[in-house]
Structure formats: structure tokens, C-alpha cells
Amino acid sequence: MENGWLILSIIALFFLSMYAYCYGTTNYAVWKEEKDRQRKVAEAQEKEQRIKAEMAERQKLRDEKYKMANARSLEIQKELKRLEKQKQHV
């Protein structure tokens, strides 16, 4: 009888370990997929932020060039007006 309980315990332990293995592997797969999804989302957000920063930097450079061109244009217009006045006085 004592050997019967031992064999029954071993069989119960065997089925319990099979259940734990199956349950653990499915949960591990779900956990791994979730982790991969979160990593991809984080990478996408990082890429989006990097692109926005690059776009802001490019816009800043365009604004600076526009201001310089506008200032130069105003300077040229003033010089032309000055030359025209000088031509009228002569």
C-alpha cells in the first residue's frame, strides 16, 4: 500500500509538472510578444522624436537664411534709394 501512494504521488507530480510547463510556456510567449511590442512602440516614438527634432533644426536654419536674405534685400533697397537720391541731386 505504501508503494501505491508513492506511485500515485509520482504520477500526480508528473501531471502537475506537465500542466505547469504548458501554462508557463504559453505565458512566456505572451510575455515575450508584449515585450517586443513595447520595444517596437518605444523605438517608433524615439524615431518620431528624432525626426521632429531634425525638422525643427531644419526649420530654424531656413528661418535664419530667410532673415539674412530679407535683411540683405532691405539693405540693397536702401542703397538703391540712396543712389537714386544722390543721382537726383547731381
PDB file of N, CA and C in Angstrom:
ATOM      1  N   MET A   1       0.824  -1.193   0.000  1.00  0.00           N
ATOM      2  CA  MET A   1       0.000   0.000   0.000  1.00  0.00           C
ATOM      3  C   MET A   1       0.868   1.256   0.000  1.00  0.00           C
ATOM      4  N   GLU A   2       1.963   1.138   0.691  1.00  0.00           N
ATOM      5  CA  GLU A   2       2.852   2.291   0.767  1.00  0.00           C
ATOM      6  C   GLU A   2       3.432   2.618  -0.599  1.00  0.00           C
ATOM      7  N   ASN A   3       3.753   1.583  -1.381  1.00  0.00           N
ATOM      8  CA  ASN A   3       4.261   1.804  -2.722  1.00  0.00           C
ATOM      9  C   ASN A   3       3.186   2.396  -3.631  1.00  0.00           C
ATOM     10  N   GLY A   4       1.953   2.095  -3.389  1.00  0.00           N
ATOM     11  CA  GLY A   4       0.833   2.626  -4.175  1.00  0.00           C
ATOM     12  C   GLY A   4       0.735   4.141  -4.008  1.00  0.00           C
ATOM     13  N   TRP A   5       0.865   4.598  -2.757  1.00  0.00           N
ATOM     14  CA  TRP A   5       0.827   6.056  -2.504  1.00  0.00           C
ATOM     15  C   TRP A   5       2.020   6.757  -3.142  1.00  0.00           C
ATOM     16  N   LEU A   6       3.137   6.099  -3.126  1.00  0.00           N
ATOM     17  CA  LEU A   6       4.334   6.665  -3.739  1.00  0.00           C
ATOM     18  C   LEU A   6       4.158   6.791  -5.258  1.00  0.00           C
ATOM     19  N   ILE A   7       3.635   5.734  -5.865  1.00  0.00           N
ATOM     20  CA  ILE A   7       3.407   5.763  -7.313  1.00  0.00           C
ATOM     21  C   ILE A   7       2.345   6.810  -7.661  1.00  0.00           C
ATOM     22  N   LEU A   8       1.271   6.888  -6.865  1.00  0.00           N
ATOM     23  CA  LEU A   8       0.225   7.888  -7.090  1.00  0.00           C
ATOM     24  C   LEU A   8       0.784   9.298  -6.939  1.00  0.00           C
ATOM     25  N   SER A   9       1.647   9.520  -5.968  1.00  0.00           N
ATOM     26  CA  SER A   9       2.275  10.833  -5.774  1.00  0.00           C
ATOM     27  C   SER A   9       3.168  11.198  -6.963  1.00  0.00           C
ATOM     28  N   ILE A  10       3.908  10.222  -7.437  1.00  0.00           N
ATOM     29  CA  ILE A  10       4.788  10.470  -8.586  1.00  0.00           C
ATOM     30  C   ILE A  10       3.967  10.813  -9.828  1.00  0.00           C
ATOM     31  N   ILE A  11       2.899  10.094 -10.062  1.00  0.00           N
ATOM     32  CA  ILE A  11       2.030  10.368 -11.213  1.00  0.00           C
ATOM     33  C   ILE A  11       1.395  11.753 -11.079  1.00  0.00           C
ATOM     34  N   ALA A  12       0.911  12.101  -9.886  1.00  0.00           N
ATOM     35  CA  ALA A  12       0.313  13.421  -9.655  1.00  0.00           C
ATOM     36  C   ALA A  12       1.360  14.515  -9.881  1.00  0.00           C
ATOM     37  N   LEU A  13       2.551  14.288  -9.385  1.00  0.00           N
ATOM     38  CA  LEU A  13       3.625  15.258  -9.596  1.00  0.00           C
ATOM     39  C   LEU A  13       3.958  15.388 -11.087  1.00  0.00           C
ATOM     40  N   PHE A  14       3.940  14.281 -11.802  1.00  0.00           N
ATOM     41  CA  PHE A  14       4.202  14.292 -13.239  1.00  0.00           C
ATOM     42  C   PHE A  14       3.155  15.131 -13.984  1.00  0.00           C
ATOM     43  N   PHE A  15       1.858  14.899 -13.692  1.00  0.00           N
ATOM     44  CA  PHE A  15       0.805  15.673 -14.357  1.00  0.00           C
ATOM     45  C   PHE A  15       0.838  17.148 -13.954  1.00  0.00           C
ATOM     46  N   LEU A  16       1.157  17.390 -12.708  1.00  0.00           N
ATOM     47  CA  LEU A  16       1.270  18.769 -12.245  1.00  0.00           C
ATOM     48  C   LEU A  16       2.415  19.488 -12.953  1.00  0.00           C
ATOM     49  N   SER A  17       3.531  18.811 -13.131  1.00  0.00           N
ATOM     50  CA  SER A  17       4.665  19.424 -13.818  1.00  0.00           C
ATOM     51  C   SER A  17       4.354  19.631 -15.303  1.00  0.00           C
ATOM     52  N   MET A  18       3.611  18.717 -15.931  1.00  0.00           N
ATOM     53  CA  MET A  18       3.208  18.908 -17.327  1.00  0.00           C
ATOM     54  C   MET A  18       2.297  20.130 -17.452  1.00  0.00           C
ATOM     55  N   TYR A  19       1.364  20.283 -16.535  1.00  0.00           N
ATOM     56  CA  TYR A  19       0.459  21.432 -16.551  1.00  0.00           C
ATOM     57  C   TYR A  19       1.247  22.729 -16.363  1.00  0.00           C
ATOM     58  N   ALA A  20       2.167  22.747 -15.427  1.00  0.00           N
ATOM     59  CA  ALA A  20       2.970  23.945 -15.167  1.00  0.00           C
ATOM     60  C   ALA A  20       3.838  24.282 -16.383  1.00  0.00           C
ATOM     61  N   TYR A  21       4.383  23.272 -17.035  1.00  0.00           N
ATOM     62  CA  TYR A  21       5.211  23.502 -18.215  1.00  0.00           C
ATOM     63  C   TYR A  21       4.386  24.121 -19.343  1.00  0.00           C
ATOM     64  N   CYS A  22       3.214  23.552 -19.601  1.00  0.00           N
ATOM     65  CA  CYS A  22       2.348  24.080 -20.673  1.00  0.00           C
ATOM     66  C   CYS A  22       1.892  25.501 -20.352  1.00  0.00           C
ATOM     67  N   TYR A  23       1.462  25.715 -19.146  1.00  0.00           N
ATOM     68  CA  TYR A  23       0.993  27.038 -18.743  1.00  0.00           C
ATOM     69  C   TYR A  23       2.135  28.053 -18.777  1.00  0.00           C
ATOM     70  N   GLY A  24       3.293  27.651 -18.334  1.00  0.00           N
ATOM     71  CA  GLY A  24       4.451  28.549 -18.306  1.00  0.00           C
ATOM     72  C   GLY A  24       4.922  28.933 -19.694  1.00  0.00           C
ATOM     73  N   THR A  25       4.948  27.980 -20.630  1.00  0.00           N
ATOM     74  CA  THR A  25       5.419  28.304 -21.973  1.00  0.00           C
ATOM     75  C   THR A  25       4.452  29.242 -22.692  1.00  0.00           C
ATOM     76  N   THR A  26       3.149  29.044 -22.507  1.00  0.00           N
ATOM     77  CA  THR A  26       2.196  29.949 -23.160  1.00  0.00           C
ATOM     78  C   THR A  26       2.299  31.341 -22.552  1.00  0.00           C
ATOM     79  N   ASN A  27       2.434  31.433 -21.256  1.00  0.00           N
ATOM     80  CA  ASN A  27       2.587  32.743 -20.626  1.00  0.00           C
ATOM     81  C   ASN A  27       3.902  33.399 -21.030  1.00  0.00           C
ATOM     82  N   TYR A  28       4.941  32.612 -21.177  1.00  0.00           N
ATOM     83  CA  TYR A  28       6.231  33.153 -21.604  1.00  0.00           C
ATOM     84  C   TYR A  28       6.121  33.727 -23.015  1.00  0.00           C
ATOM     85  N   ALA A  29       5.419  33.019 -23.887  1.00  0.00           N
ATOM     86  CA  ALA A  29       5.257  33.503 -25.263  1.00  0.00           C
ATOM     87  C   ALA A  29       4.467  34.817 -25.275  1.00  0.00           C
ATOM     88  N   VAL A  30       3.401  34.886 -24.499  1.00  0.00           N
ATOM     89  CA  VAL A  30       2.606  36.115 -24.421  1.00  0.00           C
ATOM     90  C   VAL A  30       3.446  37.246 -23.846  1.00  0.00           C
ATOM     91  N   TRP A  31       4.203  36.965 -22.810  1.00  0.00           N
ATOM     92  CA  TRP A  31       5.061  37.972 -22.177  1.00  0.00           C
ATOM     93  C   TRP A  31       6.112  38.472 -23.169  1.00  0.00           C
ATOM     94  N   LYS A  32       6.700  37.542 -23.933  1.00  0.00           N
ATOM     95  CA  LYS A  32       7.727  37.917 -24.905  1.00  0.00           C
ATOM     96  C   LYS A  32       7.129  38.774 -26.020  1.00  0.00           C
ATOM     97  N   GLU A  33       5.937  38.435 -26.505  1.00  0.00           N
ATOM     98  CA  GLU A  33       5.279  39.233 -27.542  1.00  0.00           C
ATOM     99  C   GLU A  33       4.976  40.635 -27.031  1.00  0.00           C
ATOM    100  N   GLU A  34       4.508  40.728 -25.807  1.00  0.00           N
ATOM    101  CA  GLU A  34       4.194  42.039 -25.219  1.00  0.00           C
ATOM    102  C   GLU A  34       5.464  42.876 -25.070  1.00  0.00           C
ATOM    103  N   LYS A  35       6.533  42.239 -24.646  1.00  0.00           N
ATOM    104  CA  LYS A  35       7.798  42.942 -24.500  1.00  0.00           C
ATOM    105  C   LYS A  35       8.298  43.440 -25.856  1.00  0.00           C
ATOM    106  N   ASP A  36       8.196  42.614 -26.893  1.00  0.00           N
ATOM    107  CA  ASP A  36       8.597  43.015 -28.247  1.00  0.00           C
ATOM    108  C   ASP A  36       7.734  44.167 -28.751  1.00  0.00           C
ATOM    109  N   ARG A  37       6.432  44.099 -28.484  1.00  0.00           N
ATOM    110  CA  ARG A  37       5.527  45.159 -28.913  1.00  0.00           C
ATOM    111  C   ARG A  37       5.882  46.474 -28.229  1.00  0.00           C
ATOM    112  N   GLN A  38       6.161  46.420 -26.935  1.00  0.00           N
ATOM    113  CA  GLN A  38       6.538  47.631 -26.214  1.00  0.00           C
ATOM    114  C   GLN A  38       7.862  48.194 -26.725  1.00  0.00           C
ATOM    115  N   ARG A  39       8.797  47.327 -27.055  1.00  0.00           N
ATOM    116  CA  ARG A  39      10.076  47.768 -27.593  1.00  0.00           C
ATOM    117  C   ARG A  39       9.881  48.456 -28.942  1.00  0.00           C
ATOM    118  N   LYS A  40       9.033  47.879 -29.791  1.00  0.00           N
ATOM    119  CA  LYS A  40       8.780  48.476 -31.095  1.00  0.00           C
ATOM    120  C   LYS A  40       8.094  49.834 -30.963  1.00  0.00           C
ATOM    121  N   VAL A  41       7.158  49.933 -30.029  1.00  0.00           N
ATOM    122  CA  VAL A  41       6.481  51.214 -29.805  1.00  0.00           C
ATOM    123  C   VAL A  41       7.482  52.257 -29.319  1.00  0.00           C
ATOM    124  N   ALA A  42       8.353  51.865 -28.405  1.00  0.00           N
ATOM    125  CA  ALA A  42       9.367  52.796 -27.895  1.00  0.00           C
ATOM    126  C   ALA A  42      10.314  53.235 -29.018  1.00  0.00           C
ATOM    127  N   GLU A  43      10.718  52.308 -29.869  1.00  0.00           N
ATOM    128  CA  GLU A  43      11.596  52.653 -30.987  1.00  0.00           C
ATOM    129  C   GLU A  43      10.888  53.605 -31.956  1.00  0.00           C
ATOM    130  N   ALA A  44       9.605  53.362 -32.205  1.00  0.00           N
ATOM    131  CA  ALA A  44       8.852  54.230 -33.113  1.00  0.00           C
ATOM    132  C   ALA A  44       8.721  55.634 -32.533  1.00  0.00           C
ATOM    133  N   GLN A  45       8.481  55.719 -31.233  1.00  0.00           N
ATOM    134  CA  GLN A  45       8.368  57.028 -30.595  1.00  0.00           C
ATOM    135  C   GLN A  45       9.714  57.757 -30.636  1.00  0.00           C
ATOM    136  N   GLU A  46      10.778  57.024 -30.399  1.00  0.00           N
ATOM    137  CA  GLU A  46      12.113  57.627 -30.435  1.00  0.00           C
ATOM    138  C   GLU A  46      12.433  58.134 -31.845  1.00  0.00           C
ATOM    139  N   LYS A  47      12.077  57.340 -32.845  1.00  0.00           N
ATOM    140  CA  LYS A  47      12.316  57.746 -34.233  1.00  0.00           C
ATOM    141  C   LYS A  47      11.492  58.988 -34.569  1.00  0.00           C
ATOM    142  N   GLU A  48      10.256  59.010 -34.120  1.00  0.00           N
ATOM    143  CA  GLU A  48       9.392  60.166 -34.373  1.00  0.00           C
ATOM    144  C   GLU A  48       9.948  61.423 -33.711  1.00  0.00           C
ATOM    145  N   GLN A  49      10.427  61.290 -32.494  1.00  0.00           N
ATOM    146  CA  GLN A  49      11.017  62.434 -31.796  1.00  0.00           C
ATOM    147  C   GLN A  49      12.279  62.913 -32.512  1.00  0.00           C
ATOM    148  N   ARG A  50      13.088  61.979 -32.981  1.00  0.00           N
ATOM    149  CA  ARG A  50      14.309  62.342 -33.692  1.00  0.00           C
ATOM    150  C   ARG A  50      13.972  63.080 -34.992  1.00  0.00           C
ATOM    151  N   ILE A  51      12.954  62.611 -35.702  1.00  0.00           N
ATOM    152  CA  ILE A  51      12.541  63.261 -36.940  1.00  0.00           C
ATOM    153  C   ILE A  51      12.004  64.659 -36.655  1.00  0.00           C
ATOM    154  N   LYS A  52      11.204  64.795 -35.602  1.00  0.00           N
ATOM    155  CA  LYS A  52      10.678  66.114 -35.244  1.00  0.00           C
ATOM    156  C   LYS A  52      11.809  67.076 -34.885  1.00  0.00           C
ATOM    157  N   ALA A  53      12.804  66.586 -34.166  1.00  0.00           N
ATOM    158  CA  ALA A  53      13.941  67.433 -33.794  1.00  0.00           C
ATOM    159  C   ALA A  53      14.714  67.868 -35.042  1.00  0.00           C
ATOM    160  N   GLU A  54      14.918  66.938 -35.981  1.00  0.00           N
ATOM    161  CA  GLU A  54      15.606  67.274 -37.223  1.00  0.00           C
ATOM    162  C   GLU A  54      14.803  68.295 -38.021  1.00  0.00           C
ATOM    163  N   MET A  55      13.495  68.115 -38.066  1.00  0.00           N
ATOM    164  CA  MET A  55      12.648  69.064 -38.793  1.00  0.00           C
ATOM    165  C   MET A  55      12.701  70.444 -38.152  1.00  0.00           C
ATOM    166  N   ALA A  56      12.703  70.488 -36.822  1.00  0.00           N
ATOM    167  CA  ALA A  56      12.782  71.776 -36.124  1.00  0.00           C
ATOM    168  C   ALA A  56      14.120  72.455 -36.405  1.00  0.00           C
ATOM    169  N   GLU A  57      15.188  71.675 -36.423  1.00  0.00           N
ATOM    170  CA  GLU A  57      16.513  72.234 -36.713  1.00  0.00           C
ATOM    171  C   GLU A  57      16.568  72.776 -38.146  1.00  0.00           C
ATOM    172  N   ARG A  58      16.007  72.019 -39.081  1.00  0.00           N
ATOM    173  CA  ARG A  58      15.984  72.488 -40.472  1.00  0.00           C
ATOM    174  C   ARG A  58      15.149  73.759 -40.610  1.00  0.00           C
ATOM    175  N   GLN A  59      14.014  73.802 -39.912  1.00  0.00           N
ATOM    176  CA  GLN A  59      13.166  75.000 -39.955  1.00  0.00           C
ATOM    177  C   GLN A  59      13.908  76.199 -39.383  1.00  0.00           C
ATOM    178  N   LYS A  60      14.649  75.967 -38.320  1.00  0.00           N
ATOM    179  CA  LYS A  60      15.438  77.042 -37.714  1.00  0.00           C
ATOM    180  C   LYS A  60      16.473  77.577 -38.704  1.00  0.00           C
ATOM    181  N   LEU A  61      17.146  76.665 -39.409  1.00  0.00           N
ATOM    182  CA  LEU A  61      18.123  77.081 -40.408  1.00  0.00           C
ATOM    183  C   LEU A  61      17.454  77.848 -41.553  1.00  0.00           C
ATOM    184  N   ARG A  62      16.285  77.389 -41.986  1.00  0.00           N
ATOM    185  CA  ARG A  62      15.562  78.098 -43.046  1.00  0.00           C
ATOM    186  C   ARG A  62      15.169  79.495 -42.594  1.00  0.00           C
ATOM    187  N   ASP A  63      14.700  79.596 -41.346  1.00  0.00           N
ATOM    188  CA  ASP A  63      14.319  80.911 -40.813  1.00  0.00           C
ATOM    189  C   ASP A  63      15.512  81.859 -40.766  1.00  0.00           C
ATOM    190  N   GLU A  64      16.649  81.348 -40.331  1.00  0.00           N
ATOM    191  CA  GLU A  64      17.858  82.174 -40.284  1.00  0.00           C
ATOM    192  C   GLU A  64      18.260  82.650 -41.682  1.00  0.00           C
ATOM    193  N   LYS A  65      18.218  81.727 -42.649  1.00  0.00           N
ATOM    194  CA  LYS A  65      18.565  82.104 -44.016  1.00  0.00           C
ATOM    195  C   LYS A  65      17.569  83.132 -44.562  1.00  0.00           C
ATOM    196  N   TYR A  66      16.293  82.956 -44.249  1.00  0.00           N
ATOM    197  CA  TYR A  66      15.278  83.905 -44.706  1.00  0.00           C
ATOM    198  C   TYR A  66      15.522  85.285 -44.096  1.00  0.00           C
ATOM    199  N   LYS A  67      15.821  85.315 -42.813  1.00  0.00           N
ATOM    200  CA  LYS A  67      16.088  86.599 -42.152  1.00  0.00           C
ATOM    201  C   LYS A  67      17.303  87.283 -42.767  1.00  0.00           C
ATOM    202  N   MET A  68      18.352  86.499 -43.035  1.00  0.00           N
ATOM    203  CA  MET A  68      19.554  87.071 -43.640  1.00  0.00           C
ATOM    204  C   MET A  68      19.247  87.603 -45.042  1.00  0.00           C
ATOM    205  N   ALA A  69      18.485  86.841 -45.823  1.00  0.00           N
ATOM    206  CA  ALA A  69      18.150  87.269 -47.180  1.00  0.00           C
ATOM    207  C   ALA A  69      17.259  88.507 -47.139  1.00  0.00           C
ATOM    208  N   ASN A  70      16.323  88.534 -46.226  1.00  0.00           N
ATOM    209  CA  ASN A  70      15.426  89.677 -46.081  1.00  0.00           C
ATOM    210  C   ASN A  70      16.206  90.919 -45.654  1.00  0.00           C
ATOM    211  N   ALA A  71      17.117  90.756 -44.715  1.00  0.00           N
ATOM    212  CA  ALA A  71      17.933  91.881 -44.263  1.00  0.00           C
ATOM    213  C   ALA A  71      18.798  92.397 -45.413  1.00  0.00           C
ATOM    214  N   ARG A  72      19.363  91.495 -46.166  1.00  0.00           N
ATOM    215  CA  ARG A  72      20.191  91.891 -47.319  1.00  0.00           C
ATOM    216  C   ARG A  72      19.334  92.614 -48.362  1.00  0.00           C
ATOM    217  N   SER A  73      18.126  92.135 -48.582  1.00  0.00           N
ATOM    218  CA  SER A  73      17.223  92.772 -49.534  1.00  0.00           C
ATOM    219  C   SER A  73      16.895  94.193 -49.087  1.00  0.00           C
ATOM    220  N   LEU A  74      16.606  94.368 -47.814  1.00  0.00           N
ATOM    221  CA  LEU A  74      16.325  95.713 -47.296  1.00  0.00           C
ATOM    222  C   LEU A  74      17.542  96.624 -47.430  1.00  0.00           C
ATOM    223  N   GLU A  75      18.709  96.064 -47.176  1.00  0.00           N
ATOM    224  CA  GLU A  75      19.945  96.842 -47.298  1.00  0.00           C
ATOM    225  C   GLU A  75      20.156  97.290 -48.748  1.00  0.00           C
ATOM    226  N   ILE A  76      19.894  96.400 -49.681  1.00  0.00           N
ATOM    227  CA  ILE A  76      20.051  96.735 -51.094  1.00  0.00           C
ATOM    228  C   ILE A  76      19.043  97.805 -51.503  1.00  0.00           C
ATOM    229  N   GLN A  77      17.796  97.674 -51.030  1.00  0.00           N
ATOM    230  CA  GLN A  77      16.776  98.676 -51.343  1.00  0.00           C
ATOM    231  C   GLN A  77      17.163 100.048 -50.802  1.00  0.00           C
ATOM    232  N   LYS A  78      17.677 100.077 -49.583  1.00  0.00           N
ATOM    233  CA  LYS A  78      18.123 101.354 -49.006  1.00  0.00           C
ATOM    234  C   LYS A  78      19.252 101.949 -49.833  1.00  0.00           C
ATOM    235  N   GLU A  79      20.182 101.096 -50.239  1.00  0.00           N
ATOM    236  CA  GLU A  79      21.317 101.568 -51.039  1.00  0.00           C
ATOM    237  C   GLU A  79      20.837 102.104 -52.388  1.00  0.00           C
ATOM    238  N   LEU A  80      19.879 101.419 -52.993  1.00  0.00           N
ATOM    239  CA  LEU A  80      19.337 101.899 -54.267  1.00  0.00           C
ATOM    240  C   LEU A  80      18.630 103.235 -54.102  1.00  0.00           C
ATOM    241  N   LYS A  81      17.875 103.391 -53.016  1.00  0.00           N
ATOM    242  CA  LYS A  81      17.206 104.669 -52.748  1.00  0.00           C
ATOM    243  C   LYS A  81      18.231 105.771 -52.527  1.00  0.00           C
ATOM    244  N   ARG A  82      19.288 105.454 -51.801  1.00  0.00           N
ATOM    245  CA  ARG A  82      20.342 106.437 -51.554  1.00  0.00           C
ATOM    246  C   ARG A  82      21.011 106.853 -52.860  1.00  0.00           C
ATOM    247  N   LEU A  83      21.285 105.875 -53.717  1.00  0.00           N
ATOM    248  CA  LEU A  83      21.910 106.188 -55.003  1.00  0.00           C
ATOM    249  C   LEU A  83      20.971 107.005 -55.890  1.00  0.00           C
ATOM    250  N   GLU A  84      19.675 106.676 -55.824  1.00  0.00           N
ATOM    251  CA  GLU A  84      18.712 107.434 -56.623  1.00  0.00           C
ATOM    252  C   GLU A  84      18.616 108.877 -56.149  1.00  0.00           C
ATOM    253  N   LYS A  85      18.617 109.072 -54.822  1.00  0.00           N
ATOM    254  CA  LYS A  85      18.617 110.444 -54.280  1.00  0.00           C
ATOM    255  C   LYS A  85      19.881 111.187 -54.694  1.00  0.00           C
ATOM    256  N   GLN A  86      20.997 110.489 -54.624  1.00  0.00           N
ATOM    257  CA  GLN A  86      22.277 111.108 -54.996  1.00  0.00           C
ATOM    258  C   GLN A  86      22.273 111.478 -56.476  1.00  0.00           C
ATOM    259  N   LYS A  87      21.650 110.634 -57.283  1.00  0.00           N
ATOM    260  CA  LYS A  87      21.574 110.902 -58.733  1.00  0.00           C
ATOM    261  C   LYS A  87      20.678 112.117 -58.994  1.00  0.00           C
ATOM    262  N   GLN A  88      19.606 112.248 -58.212  1.00  0.00           N
ATOM    263  CA  GLN A  88      18.688 113.382 -58.400  1.00  0.00           C
ATOM    264  C   GLN A  88      19.357 114.701 -57.974  1.00  0.00           C
ATOM    265  N   HIS A  89      20.194 114.671 -56.971  1.00  0.00           N
ATOM    266  CA  HIS A  89      20.862 115.879 -56.504  1.00  0.00           C
ATOM    267  C   HIS A  89      21.969 116.325 -57.424  1.00  0.00           C
ATOM    268  N   VAL A  90      22.480 115.461 -58.173  1.00  0.00           N
ATOM    269  CA  VAL A  90      23.606 115.806 -59.065  1.00  0.00           C
ATOM    270  C   VAL A  90      23.117 116.406 -60.336  1.00  0.00           C
TER     271      VAL A  90
END
